[in-house]
């Protein structure tokens, strides 16, 4: 199996999305443990998502619904 190599700009976008998730979590008053329990995730899964290392689409959808966040804000937000 060939490992796919993604452009650096994709990794930067993922890091931006991950940092925005963390910001929204904090703005909504959740700790990582509280939000992970609410989402029925392991805290390490949420931690990895907030670092842009393991962010599945389903986790992203669930995070956006819980934090009342429009997913488009993650993809078009400027830092």
N, C-alpha and C. Protein backbone atom coordinates (compact mmCIF):
# COMPACT_ATOMS: atom_id res chain seq x y z
N UNK A 1 0.85 -1.19 0.00
CA UNK A 1 0.00 0.00 0.00
C UNK A 1 0.89 1.24 0.00
N UNK A 2 0.52 2.20 -0.80
CA UNK A 2 1.29 3.44 -0.91
C UNK A 2 0.71 4.47 0.06
N UNK A 3 1.59 5.08 0.82
CA UNK A 3 1.15 6.12 1.76
C UNK A 3 0.99 7.43 1.00
N UNK A 4 -0.18 8.03 1.16
CA UNK A 4 -0.47 9.30 0.47
C UNK A 4 0.24 10.44 1.20
N UNK A 5 0.86 11.30 0.45
CA UNK A 5 1.53 12.48 0.99
C UNK A 5 0.66 13.70 0.65
N UNK A 6 0.26 14.43 1.69
CA UNK A 6 -0.59 15.61 1.49
C UNK A 6 0.27 16.87 1.48
N UNK A 7 -0.16 17.89 0.75
CA UNK A 7 0.59 19.16 0.73
C UNK A 7 0.63 19.79 2.12
N UNK A 8 1.67 20.53 2.40
CA UNK A 8 1.84 21.18 3.70
C UNK A 8 0.67 22.10 4.02
N UNK A 9 0.09 22.74 3.01
CA UNK A 9 -1.04 23.64 3.27
C UNK A 9 -2.24 22.89 3.85
N UNK A 10 -2.41 21.63 3.51
CA UNK A 10 -3.49 20.83 4.09
C UNK A 10 -3.24 20.61 5.58
N UNK A 11 -2.00 20.35 5.92
CA UNK A 11 -1.66 20.15 7.33
C UNK A 11 -1.87 21.44 8.12
N UNK A 12 -1.55 22.56 7.51
CA UNK A 12 -1.75 23.85 8.17
C UNK A 12 -3.24 24.12 8.39
N UNK A 13 -4.07 23.80 7.40
CA UNK A 13 -5.52 23.97 7.55
C UNK A 13 -6.05 23.08 8.66
N UNK A 14 -5.57 21.85 8.73
CA UNK A 14 -6.00 20.94 9.78
C UNK A 14 -5.61 21.47 11.15
N UNK A 15 -4.42 22.01 11.28
CA UNK A 15 -3.97 22.59 12.56
C UNK A 15 -4.85 23.79 12.94
N UNK A 16 -5.24 24.59 11.95
CA UNK A 16 -6.10 25.74 12.20
C UNK A 16 -7.48 25.27 12.70
N UNK A 17 -8.04 24.26 12.05
CA UNK A 17 -9.33 23.70 12.47
C UNK A 17 -9.22 23.17 13.89
N UNK A 18 -8.13 22.46 14.18
CA UNK A 18 -7.93 21.88 15.50
C UNK A 18 -7.85 22.96 16.58
N UNK A 19 -7.13 24.04 16.29
CA UNK A 19 -7.01 25.11 17.28
C UNK A 19 -8.34 25.83 17.49
N UNK A 20 -9.14 25.96 16.43
CA UNK A 20 -10.46 26.57 16.58
C UNK A 20 -11.38 25.70 17.43
N UNK A 21 -11.29 24.39 17.28
CA UNK A 21 -12.09 23.49 18.11
C UNK A 21 -11.73 23.70 19.57
N UNK A 22 -10.45 23.81 19.87
CA UNK A 22 -10.01 24.05 21.24
C UNK A 22 -10.56 25.38 21.76
N UNK A 23 -10.47 26.42 20.94
CA UNK A 23 -10.97 27.74 21.34
C UNK A 23 -12.47 27.69 21.64
N UNK A 24 -13.24 27.03 20.78
CA UNK A 24 -14.69 26.93 21.01
C UNK A 24 -15.00 26.09 22.24
N UNK A 25 -14.21 25.04 22.47
CA UNK A 25 -14.41 24.23 23.68
C UNK A 25 -14.23 25.10 24.92
N UNK A 26 -13.16 25.86 24.94
CA UNK A 26 -12.89 26.73 26.09
C UNK A 26 -13.95 27.83 26.23
N UNK A 27 -14.36 28.39 25.10
CA UNK A 27 -15.38 29.45 25.12
C UNK A 27 -16.72 28.93 25.65
N UNK A 28 -16.98 27.63 25.45
CA UNK A 28 -18.21 27.02 25.95
C UNK A 28 -18.05 26.47 27.36
N UNK A 29 -16.89 26.68 27.96
CA UNK A 29 -16.69 26.31 29.36
C UNK A 29 -16.45 24.84 29.62
N UNK A 30 -16.04 24.09 28.62
CA UNK A 30 -15.77 22.67 28.80
C UNK A 30 -14.28 22.43 29.06
N UNK A 31 -13.98 21.49 29.94
CA UNK A 31 -12.63 20.95 30.00
C UNK A 31 -12.57 19.84 28.96
N UNK A 32 -11.38 19.37 28.64
CA UNK A 32 -11.28 18.24 27.70
C UNK A 32 -12.02 17.03 28.25
N UNK A 33 -11.88 16.78 29.52
CA UNK A 33 -12.53 15.61 30.13
C UNK A 33 -14.04 15.73 30.05
N UNK A 34 -14.57 16.91 30.37
CA UNK A 34 -16.02 17.11 30.34
C UNK A 34 -16.59 16.92 28.93
N UNK A 35 -15.93 17.54 27.95
CA UNK A 35 -16.42 17.44 26.58
C UNK A 35 -16.28 16.01 26.05
N UNK A 36 -15.17 15.37 26.37
CA UNK A 36 -14.98 13.98 25.93
C UNK A 36 -16.06 13.08 26.52
N UNK A 37 -16.38 13.26 27.80
CA UNK A 37 -17.44 12.45 28.41
C UNK A 37 -18.78 12.74 27.76
N UNK A 38 -19.06 14.01 27.48
CA UNK A 38 -20.32 14.40 26.84
C UNK A 38 -20.45 13.74 25.47
N UNK A 39 -19.33 13.63 24.75
CA UNK A 39 -19.33 13.06 23.41
C UNK A 39 -19.10 11.55 23.42
N UNK A 40 -18.91 11.00 24.60
CA UNK A 40 -18.61 9.58 24.76
C UNK A 40 -17.33 9.21 24.00
N UNK A 41 -16.31 10.05 24.15
CA UNK A 41 -15.00 9.83 23.57
C UNK A 41 -13.99 9.68 24.70
N UNK A 42 -12.88 9.07 24.40
CA UNK A 42 -11.78 9.06 25.35
C UNK A 42 -11.13 10.44 25.31
N UNK A 43 -10.65 10.93 26.43
CA UNK A 43 -10.02 12.26 26.47
C UNK A 43 -8.85 12.34 25.49
N UNK A 44 -8.11 11.25 25.36
CA UNK A 44 -6.97 11.26 24.42
C UNK A 44 -7.42 11.47 22.98
N UNK A 45 -8.59 10.95 22.63
CA UNK A 45 -9.13 11.15 21.28
C UNK A 45 -9.40 12.62 21.04
N UNK A 46 -10.00 13.28 22.02
CA UNK A 46 -10.27 14.72 21.91
C UNK A 46 -8.97 15.50 21.87
N UNK A 47 -8.02 15.13 22.70
CA UNK A 47 -6.73 15.80 22.72
C UNK A 47 -6.04 15.70 21.36
N UNK A 48 -6.05 14.52 20.77
CA UNK A 48 -5.46 14.34 19.44
C UNK A 48 -6.19 15.19 18.40
N UNK A 49 -7.51 15.26 18.49
CA UNK A 49 -8.29 16.08 17.55
C UNK A 49 -7.92 17.55 17.69
N UNK A 50 -7.72 18.01 18.92
CA UNK A 50 -7.36 19.42 19.14
C UNK A 50 -5.94 19.74 18.69
N UNK A 51 -5.15 18.73 18.46
CA UNK A 51 -3.79 18.93 17.93
C UNK A 51 -3.75 18.65 16.43
N UNK A 52 -4.89 18.27 15.85
CA UNK A 52 -4.95 18.00 14.43
C UNK A 52 -4.28 16.70 14.04
N UNK A 53 -4.18 15.78 14.98
CA UNK A 53 -3.49 14.52 14.70
C UNK A 53 -4.44 13.37 14.42
N UNK A 54 -5.68 13.47 14.85
CA UNK A 54 -6.64 12.38 14.62
C UNK A 54 -8.04 12.96 14.67
N UNK A 55 -8.43 13.59 13.60
CA UNK A 55 -9.72 14.26 13.57
C UNK A 55 -10.56 13.63 12.46
N UNK A 56 -11.47 12.75 12.85
CA UNK A 56 -12.33 12.12 11.86
C UNK A 56 -13.49 13.06 11.55
N UNK A 57 -14.09 12.84 10.43
CA UNK A 57 -15.23 13.67 10.02
C UNK A 57 -16.40 13.50 11.00
N UNK A 58 -16.64 12.29 11.46
CA UNK A 58 -17.74 12.07 12.40
C UNK A 58 -17.48 12.79 13.72
N UNK A 59 -16.25 12.75 14.20
CA UNK A 59 -15.92 13.48 15.43
C UNK A 59 -16.09 14.98 15.21
N UNK A 60 -15.67 15.46 14.05
CA UNK A 60 -15.81 16.88 13.74
C UNK A 60 -17.28 17.30 13.72
N UNK A 61 -18.13 16.51 13.10
CA UNK A 61 -19.56 16.81 13.06
C UNK A 61 -20.14 16.85 14.47
N UNK A 62 -19.79 15.86 15.28
CA UNK A 62 -20.30 15.80 16.65
C UNK A 62 -19.80 16.98 17.49
N UNK A 63 -18.55 17.35 17.33
CA UNK A 63 -18.01 18.50 18.05
C UNK A 63 -18.74 19.78 17.65
N UNK A 64 -18.97 19.96 16.37
CA UNK A 64 -19.67 21.16 15.90
C UNK A 64 -21.09 21.24 16.45
N UNK A 65 -21.78 20.12 16.47
CA UNK A 65 -23.14 20.12 17.01
C UNK A 65 -23.14 20.43 18.51
N UNK A 66 -22.23 19.83 19.24
CA UNK A 66 -22.17 20.03 20.69
C UNK A 66 -21.79 21.46 21.04
N UNK A 67 -20.83 22.02 20.32
CA UNK A 67 -20.36 23.38 20.61
C UNK A 67 -21.16 24.44 19.87
N UNK A 68 -22.24 24.02 19.19
CA UNK A 68 -23.10 24.93 18.43
C UNK A 68 -22.27 25.79 17.48
N UNK A 69 -21.47 25.11 16.70
CA UNK A 69 -20.53 25.74 15.80
C UNK A 69 -20.87 25.36 14.38
N UNK A 70 -20.96 26.34 13.50
CA UNK A 70 -21.18 26.09 12.09
C UNK A 70 -19.87 25.58 11.50
N UNK A 71 -19.89 24.40 10.93
CA UNK A 71 -18.66 23.79 10.43
C UNK A 71 -17.95 24.69 9.42
N UNK A 72 -18.70 25.47 8.68
CA UNK A 72 -18.05 26.35 7.69
C UNK A 72 -17.13 27.36 8.36
N UNK A 73 -17.40 27.73 9.62
CA UNK A 73 -16.52 28.65 10.34
C UNK A 73 -15.13 28.06 10.51
N UNK A 74 -15.04 26.76 10.64
CA UNK A 74 -13.74 26.11 10.81
C UNK A 74 -12.92 26.16 9.53
N UNK A 75 -13.60 26.05 8.39
CA UNK A 75 -12.90 25.97 7.14
C UNK A 75 -12.58 27.32 6.52
N UNK A 76 -13.29 28.35 6.96
CA UNK A 76 -13.09 29.67 6.34
C UNK A 76 -12.60 30.71 7.32
N UNK A 77 -12.35 30.34 8.56
CA UNK A 77 -11.92 31.30 9.56
C UNK A 77 -10.49 31.75 9.28
N UNK A 78 -10.26 33.03 9.45
CA UNK A 78 -8.92 33.60 9.32
C UNK A 78 -8.36 33.82 10.70
N UNK A 79 -7.10 33.51 10.88
CA UNK A 79 -6.43 33.72 12.17
C UNK A 79 -5.63 34.98 12.11
